[in-house]
Amino acid sequence: MSAYYYLIPQLPSLSYNAPIPITSQAFIDLCRTKLSSSDISLLELCTLNPDAGDAYAESAPASSSGFVDAWRAWERALRLNLARYRSQKLKREGGTIEPPAYPADAAAAAKAAVAIESPLEAELFLDQARWNAIEAIQGLSYFGENAVYAYLLKLRLLERKALFKAEEGFAEYKMLYAAILDGRRG
């Protein structure tokens, strides 16, 4: 446990609306020098993206971390609810896995995000909801393993957010839209 008390205070603080002070890889590299191999294995489970295929079809097996398990359950609920609400919006029947109602804030975030017209704004909304969920799951654990797992997830959210470039995205959207229109005319 004492490794956390040395690691956490030396980290730069994170804010959702601030630039990334350290990359997730640099953070993981630092953790490799300070934490046990079992902690590093749990860090590898702190991801924003499912593995491959239908990764959220079933709940992930329990890990030895309540934080990691709660995060994975939250992200699973978010993604499955997103699939359900997007299918409903597109008036498609079936084909989605029944999403869990808990955690309720994940289901509510999915429903609200689908109502947002701008894809960029919807993604930013979802990432802010993820940030809030990470903080809620972490609770008051500021110097324990939960703080380390939360820090990595927040870094990954900030890196993801930095990838969104509104002007480039809009230019790409206009180009694709024009190509679709040209395809219909041809």
Protein backbone atom coordinates (compact mmCIF):
# COMPACT_ATOMS: atom_id res chain seq x y z
CA MET A 1 0.00 0.00 0.00
CA SER A 2 2.84 2.43 0.75
CA ALA A 3 3.86 2.53 -2.93
CA TYR A 4 0.64 4.43 -3.65
CA TYR A 5 1.49 7.10 -1.10
CA TYR A 6 4.72 7.78 -2.99
CA LEU A 7 3.29 7.49 -6.49
CA ILE A 8 0.09 9.55 -6.28
CA PRO A 9 1.49 12.80 -4.81
CA GLN A 10 4.13 13.09 -7.53
CA LEU A 11 1.55 13.00 -10.32
CA PRO A 12 0.33 16.18 -12.00
CA SER A 13 -3.33 16.92 -11.30
CA LEU A 14 -5.91 16.18 -13.96
CA SER A 15 -8.85 18.25 -15.10
CA TYR A 16 -11.29 17.37 -17.85
CA ASN A 17 -10.90 20.81 -19.43
CA ALA A 18 -7.12 21.02 -19.21
CA PRO A 19 -4.37 19.69 -21.48
CA ILE A 20 -2.84 16.28 -20.86
CA PRO A 21 0.11 16.65 -18.46
CA ILE A 22 1.45 13.11 -19.04
CA THR A 23 0.64 10.36 -21.50
CA SER A 24 -1.06 7.18 -20.38
CA GLN A 25 1.99 5.20 -21.55
CA ALA A 26 4.36 7.36 -19.50
CA PHE A 27 2.09 6.85 -16.51
CA ILE A 28 2.04 3.07 -17.01
CA ASP A 29 5.83 3.07 -17.35
CA LEU A 30 6.10 4.96 -14.07
CA CYS A 31 3.70 2.51 -12.43
CA ARG A 32 5.82 -0.42 -13.59
CA THR A 33 8.69 0.93 -11.49
CA LYS A 34 6.58 1.46 -8.36
CA LEU A 35 3.77 -1.09 -8.26
CA SER A 36 3.42 -4.86 -8.07
CA SER A 37 2.83 -7.05 -11.11
CA SER A 38 -0.73 -7.76 -9.91
CA ASP A 39 -1.43 -4.01 -9.83
CA ILE A 40 -0.02 -3.67 -13.34
CA SER A 41 -2.29 -6.52 -14.50
CA LEU A 42 -5.27 -4.63 -13.11
CA LEU A 43 -4.10 -1.43 -14.83
CA GLU A 44 -4.32 -3.29 -18.13
CA LEU A 45 -8.04 -3.80 -17.47
CA CYS A 46 -8.57 -0.03 -17.18
CA THR A 47 -9.58 0.67 -20.74
CA LEU A 48 -12.15 2.75 -22.59
CA ASN A 49 -12.58 0.25 -25.41
CA PRO A 50 -13.78 -3.31 -25.37
CA ASP A 51 -11.45 -5.98 -26.62
CA ALA A 52 -12.68 -7.30 -29.94
CA GLY A 53 -16.03 -8.40 -31.21
CA ASP A 54 -18.97 -8.65 -28.85
CA ALA A 55 -16.95 -7.84 -25.72
CA TYR A 56 -19.96 -6.55 -23.81
CA ALA A 57 -22.33 -9.39 -24.64
CA GLU A 58 -21.71 -10.80 -21.16
CA SER A 59 -20.40 -9.27 -17.99
CA ALA A 60 -16.64 -9.48 -17.60
CA PRO A 61 -15.38 -11.97 -15.04
CA ALA A 62 -14.70 -10.45 -11.65
CA SER A 63 -11.22 -9.14 -10.99
CA SER A 64 -9.60 -8.62 -7.62
CA SER A 65 -10.48 -4.91 -7.74
CA GLY A 66 -13.88 -3.51 -6.87
CA PHE A 67 -12.97 -0.33 -8.77
CA VAL A 68 -12.08 -2.19 -11.98
CA ASP A 69 -15.22 -4.31 -11.76
CA ALA A 70 -17.43 -1.27 -11.16
CA TRP A 71 -15.81 0.60 -14.07
CA ARG A 72 -16.26 -2.30 -16.47
CA ALA A 73 -19.91 -2.71 -15.39
CA TRP A 74 -20.49 1.02 -15.92
CA GLU A 75 -18.91 1.07 -19.38
CA ARG A 76 -20.79 -2.09 -20.35
CA ALA A 77 -24.10 -0.55 -19.28
CA LEU A 78 -23.28 2.63 -21.20
CA ARG A 79 -22.38 0.82 -24.42
CA LEU A 80 -25.33 -1.55 -24.35
CA ASN A 81 -27.75 1.28 -23.63
CA LEU A 82 -26.19 3.31 -26.46
CA ALA A 83 -26.77 0.40 -28.82
CA ARG A 84 -30.40 0.10 -27.68
CA TYR A 85 -31.17 3.83 -27.98
CA ARG A 86 -29.41 4.14 -31.33
CA SER A 87 -31.39 1.17 -32.66
CA GLN A 88 -34.61 2.75 -31.44
CA LYS A 89 -33.68 6.07 -33.03
CA LEU A 90 -33.02 4.31 -36.35
CA LYS A 91 -36.23 2.28 -35.90
CA ARG A 92 -34.40 -1.04 -36.07
CA GLU A 93 -35.91 -4.00 -34.30
CA GLY A 94 -33.94 -6.60 -32.37
CA GLY A 95 -30.27 -7.35 -32.73
CA THR A 96 -29.21 -5.66 -29.51
CA ILE A 97 -28.42 -7.25 -26.19
CA GLU A 98 -30.74 -6.23 -23.38
CA PRO A 99 -28.81 -3.59 -21.46
CA PRO A 100 -28.63 -3.54 -17.69
CA ALA A 101 -30.58 -0.78 -15.94
CA TYR A 102 -27.77 -0.39 -13.40
CA PRO A 103 -25.77 1.77 -13.12
CA ALA A 104 -28.62 4.15 -13.80
CA ASP A 105 -26.33 7.08 -14.61
CA ALA A 106 -24.78 5.07 -17.46
CA ALA A 107 -28.22 4.37 -18.95
CA ALA A 108 -29.23 8.03 -18.53
CA ALA A 109 -26.00 9.23 -20.18
CA ALA A 110 -26.60 6.95 -23.15
CA LYS A 111 -30.16 8.19 -23.58
CA ALA A 112 -29.09 11.84 -23.38
CA ALA A 113 -26.17 11.34 -25.79
CA VAL A 114 -28.37 9.80 -28.48
CA ALA A 115 -30.56 12.92 -28.38
CA ILE A 116 -27.60 15.19 -29.15
CA GLU A 117 -27.50 16.04 -32.87
CA SER A 118 -23.79 16.75 -33.21
CA PRO A 119 -21.69 13.55 -33.14
CA LEU A 120 -18.75 15.48 -31.68
CA GLU A 121 -20.88 17.01 -28.93
CA ALA A 122 -22.37 13.60 -28.16
CA GLU A 123 -18.91 12.05 -27.82
CA LEU A 124 -17.74 14.89 -25.58
CA PHE A 125 -20.88 14.48 -23.48
CA LEU A 126 -20.21 10.75 -23.12
CA ASP A 127 -16.59 11.35 -22.15
CA GLN A 128 -17.66 13.86 -19.50
CA ALA A 129 -20.14 11.27 -18.19
CA ARG A 130 -17.33 8.71 -18.10
CA TRP A 131 -15.12 11.18 -16.19
CA ASN A 132 -17.89 11.74 -13.66
CA ALA A 133 -18.43 8.00 -13.29
CA ILE A 134 -14.72 7.41 -12.70
CA GLU A 135 -14.73 10.03 -9.95
CA ALA A 136 -17.85 8.53 -8.37
CA ILE A 137 -16.43 5.01 -8.45
CA GLN A 138 -13.12 6.22 -7.02
CA GLY A 139 -14.91 7.89 -4.14
CA LEU A 140 -12.67 9.27 -1.43
CA SER A 141 -9.77 6.94 -2.18
CA TYR A 142 -7.05 9.49 -2.94
CA PHE A 143 -3.91 7.49 -2.21
CA GLY A 144 -4.84 3.87 -2.84
CA GLU A 145 -5.01 1.61 -5.84
CA ASN A 146 -8.37 3.07 -6.89
CA ALA A 147 -6.71 6.44 -7.38
CA VAL A 148 -4.13 4.85 -9.67
CA TYR A 149 -6.77 3.10 -11.78
CA ALA A 150 -8.89 6.26 -11.93
CA TYR A 151 -5.86 8.32 -12.95
CA LEU A 152 -5.11 6.02 -15.88
CA LEU A 153 -8.72 6.07 -17.09
CA LYS A 154 -8.80 9.85 -16.87
CA LEU A 155 -5.56 10.09 -18.85
CA ARG A 156 -7.08 7.87 -21.51
CA LEU A 157 -10.17 10.09 -21.65
CA LEU A 158 -8.00 13.19 -22.05
CA GLU A 159 -6.01 11.51 -24.84
CA ARG A 160 -9.25 10.53 -26.58
CA LYS A 161 -10.59 14.06 -26.22
CA ALA A 162 -7.38 15.47 -27.71
CA LEU A 163 -7.98 13.36 -30.83
CA PHE A 164 -11.22 15.18 -31.56
CA LYS A 165 -10.45 18.00 -33.91
CA ALA A 166 -13.67 19.77 -34.77
CA GLU A 167 -12.48 21.52 -37.92
CA GLU A 168 -10.87 18.42 -39.42
CA GLY A 169 -13.90 16.32 -38.47
CA PHE A 170 -16.31 18.78 -40.07
CA ALA A 171 -14.21 18.94 -43.24
CA GLU A 172 -14.19 15.13 -43.40
CA TYR A 173 -17.96 15.06 -42.81
CA LYS A 174 -18.56 17.53 -45.66
CA MET A 175 -16.33 15.50 -47.98
CA LEU A 176 -18.13 12.24 -47.15
CA TYR A 177 -21.53 13.88 -47.46
CA ALA A 178 -20.61 15.31 -50.87
CA ALA A 179 -19.39 11.86 -51.97
CA ILE A 180 -22.71 10.32 -50.87
CA LEU A 181 -24.67 12.94 -52.80
CA ASP A 182 -22.50 12.45 -55.88
CA GLY A 183 -23.06 8.69 -55.62
CA ARG A 184 -26.84 9.15 -55.64
CA ARG A 185 -26.70 11.42 -58.66
CA GLY A 186 -24.46 9.07 -60.61
